[in-house]
Amino acid sequence: MIRSLSRSIPCLMIGLLMTSCVPDEGNPDLSGTWTCTETSEIFLKGTKGTSIYQVTLARDAMVQSNYTIDNFYKLGNGVHVTIIKAGYTITMPKQSVEGFVFEGSGEVNDTYDIIQMSYTADDGGGEVDHVMAEYAR
């Protein structure tokens, strides 16, 4: 009994080492710089509503399903919203940033290099902007 147990332990240890080296494919990190192509009904009417600019996603160290998007809605560096990723689904809970109330949802593709989102931007002035955005890296 002890002899068979002593033979099993090294095999078990090797198995644990091999599985601990496998990347977590179920929750890959979306952090980094993304190119945003954003189509807005209101914000950029003079440019037919489409704007292309850079955003930065940063994963929360404590809650790894939460991210911030810096330069969101092209409001500038240091201005960000929070999103939640669950599998391929993105949720942007209702939040107030720089005088706007944002809320929306989206999804990330299966290779985690395209994010598509739709959201609203309400500045309280009576007209709500409906926005479609695609982030690519």
Protein backbone atom coordinates (compact mmCIF):
# COMPACT_ATOMS: atom_id res chain seq x y z
CA MET A 1 0.00 0.00 0.00
CA ILE A 2 2.75 2.48 0.96
CA ARG A 3 4.83 1.45 -2.06
CA SER A 4 1.94 2.11 -4.50
CA LEU A 5 1.20 5.41 -2.78
CA SER A 6 4.84 6.50 -3.07
CA ARG A 7 4.69 5.75 -6.82
CA SER A 8 1.45 7.72 -7.24
CA ILE A 9 2.69 10.91 -5.57
CA PRO A 10 5.35 11.77 -8.22
CA CYS A 11 2.79 11.21 -11.00
CA LEU A 12 0.30 13.40 -9.19
CA MET A 13 2.91 16.14 -8.73
CA ILE A 14 3.83 16.08 -12.44
CA GLY A 15 0.14 16.31 -13.36
CA LEU A 16 -0.34 19.33 -11.11
CA LEU A 17 2.72 21.08 -12.54
CA MET A 18 1.54 20.52 -16.10
CA THR A 19 -1.95 21.90 -15.48
CA SER A 20 -0.69 24.94 -13.59
CA CYS A 21 1.30 26.04 -16.66
CA VAL A 22 -1.74 26.10 -18.95
CA PRO A 23 -3.04 29.66 -19.54
CA ASP A 24 -6.56 30.44 -18.36
CA GLU A 25 -8.36 30.37 -21.70
CA GLY A 26 -11.73 31.04 -20.08
CA ASN A 27 -10.78 34.51 -18.87
CA PRO A 28 -8.05 36.05 -21.06
CA ASP A 29 -6.89 39.54 -20.17
CA LEU A 30 -8.27 42.31 -22.40
CA SER A 31 -5.87 44.91 -20.98
CA GLY A 32 -3.94 47.06 -23.43
CA THR A 33 -4.39 49.63 -26.16
CA TRP A 34 -7.29 49.18 -28.57
CA THR A 35 -8.35 51.15 -31.65
CA CYS A 36 -11.93 52.32 -31.26
CA THR A 37 -14.13 52.98 -34.28
CA GLU A 38 -17.17 54.72 -32.86
CA THR A 39 -20.37 55.73 -34.64
CA SER A 40 -22.44 58.28 -32.78
CA GLU A 41 -25.83 59.78 -33.63
CA ILE A 42 -24.99 63.12 -31.99
CA PHE A 43 -21.41 63.63 -30.79
CA LEU A 44 -19.63 63.97 -34.13
CA LYS A 45 -22.32 65.05 -36.59
CA GLY A 46 -19.80 67.11 -38.57
CA THR A 47 -17.78 63.98 -39.38
CA LYS A 48 -20.81 61.85 -40.26
CA GLY A 49 -20.79 60.48 -36.70
CA THR A 50 -17.70 58.26 -37.00
CA SER A 51 -14.56 58.73 -34.98
CA ILE A 52 -11.42 56.57 -34.73
CA TYR A 53 -9.23 56.91 -31.67
CA GLN A 54 -7.25 54.93 -29.09
CA VAL A 55 -8.56 53.64 -25.76
CA THR A 56 -6.82 51.69 -23.03
CA LEU A 57 -8.42 48.82 -21.16
CA ALA A 58 -7.10 47.96 -17.70
CA ARG A 59 -8.15 44.91 -15.72
CA ASP A 60 -9.06 45.40 -12.07
CA ALA A 61 -6.48 43.66 -9.86
CA MET A 62 -9.07 42.60 -7.29
CA VAL A 63 -12.08 41.74 -9.48
CA GLN A 64 -10.65 40.30 -12.69
CA SER A 65 -13.96 40.45 -14.56
CA ASN A 66 -13.97 44.26 -14.19
CA TYR A 67 -12.12 46.60 -16.54
CA THR A 68 -11.81 50.34 -16.99
CA ILE A 69 -11.78 51.93 -20.45
CA ASP A 70 -9.65 55.07 -20.49
CA ASN A 71 -10.45 57.84 -23.03
CA PHE A 72 -13.97 56.44 -23.33
CA TYR A 73 -16.27 58.37 -25.72
CA LYS A 74 -13.12 60.31 -26.67
CA LEU A 75 -13.42 62.34 -23.48
CA GLY A 76 -9.66 62.30 -22.89
CA ASN A 77 -7.01 60.40 -21.00
CA GLY A 78 -7.90 59.93 -17.35
CA VAL A 79 -11.62 59.75 -18.15
CA HIS A 80 -12.89 56.21 -17.92
CA VAL A 81 -15.90 53.96 -17.49
CA THR A 82 -16.11 50.53 -15.92
CA ILE A 83 -17.23 47.42 -17.82
CA ILE A 84 -17.79 43.86 -16.66
CA LYS A 85 -16.77 40.85 -18.77
CA ALA A 86 -18.53 37.52 -18.25
CA GLY A 87 -17.39 35.03 -20.87
CA TYR A 88 -17.95 36.78 -24.19
CA THR A 89 -20.52 39.23 -22.78
CA ILE A 90 -19.67 42.82 -21.88
CA THR A 91 -21.90 44.85 -19.57
CA MET A 92 -21.51 48.56 -18.94
CA PRO A 93 -23.57 49.34 -15.85
CA LYS A 94 -25.20 52.75 -15.63
CA GLN A 95 -22.57 55.26 -14.49
CA SER A 96 -22.01 59.00 -14.47
CA VAL A 97 -18.74 60.31 -15.97
CA GLU A 98 -17.83 63.90 -16.88
CA GLY A 99 -21.46 65.04 -16.99
CA PHE A 100 -22.67 62.08 -19.06
CA VAL A 101 -24.61 59.03 -17.95
CA PHE A 102 -23.43 55.94 -19.84
CA GLU A 103 -25.03 52.50 -20.05
CA GLY A 104 -24.67 49.66 -22.52
CA SER A 105 -23.61 46.17 -23.46
CA GLY A 106 -21.61 44.23 -25.99
CA GLU A 107 -19.56 41.18 -26.70
CA VAL A 108 -16.01 40.09 -27.37
CA ASN A 109 -15.24 37.68 -30.22
CA ASP A 110 -13.88 34.18 -29.66
CA THR A 111 -10.27 35.23 -30.37
CA TYR A 112 -10.54 38.16 -27.93
CA ASP A 113 -9.29 40.77 -30.40
CA ILE A 114 -12.59 42.50 -31.30
CA ILE A 115 -15.07 44.03 -28.87
CA GLN A 116 -18.40 45.34 -30.17
CA MET A 117 -20.50 47.51 -27.90
CA SER A 118 -23.62 49.62 -28.08
CA TYR A 119 -24.35 52.19 -25.42
CA THR A 120 -26.14 55.41 -24.66
CA ALA A 121 -24.62 58.71 -23.60
CA ASP A 122 -26.99 61.10 -21.86
CA ASP A 123 -25.74 64.59 -21.00
CA GLY A 124 -29.05 65.54 -19.39
CA GLY A 125 -29.83 68.02 -22.16
CA GLY A 126 -32.85 66.10 -23.46
CA GLU A 127 -31.20 64.28 -26.36
CA VAL A 128 -29.64 60.84 -25.76
CA ASP A 129 -26.78 59.75 -28.01
CA HIS A 130 -26.95 56.14 -29.25
CA VAL A 131 -23.46 54.85 -29.98
CA MET A 132 -21.99 51.77 -31.67
CA ALA A 133 -18.32 51.06 -31.06
CA GLU A 134 -15.88 48.44 -32.25
CA TYR A 135 -12.57 48.00 -30.44
CA ALA A 136 -9.80 46.15 -32.27
CA ARG A 137 -6.26 45.16 -31.36
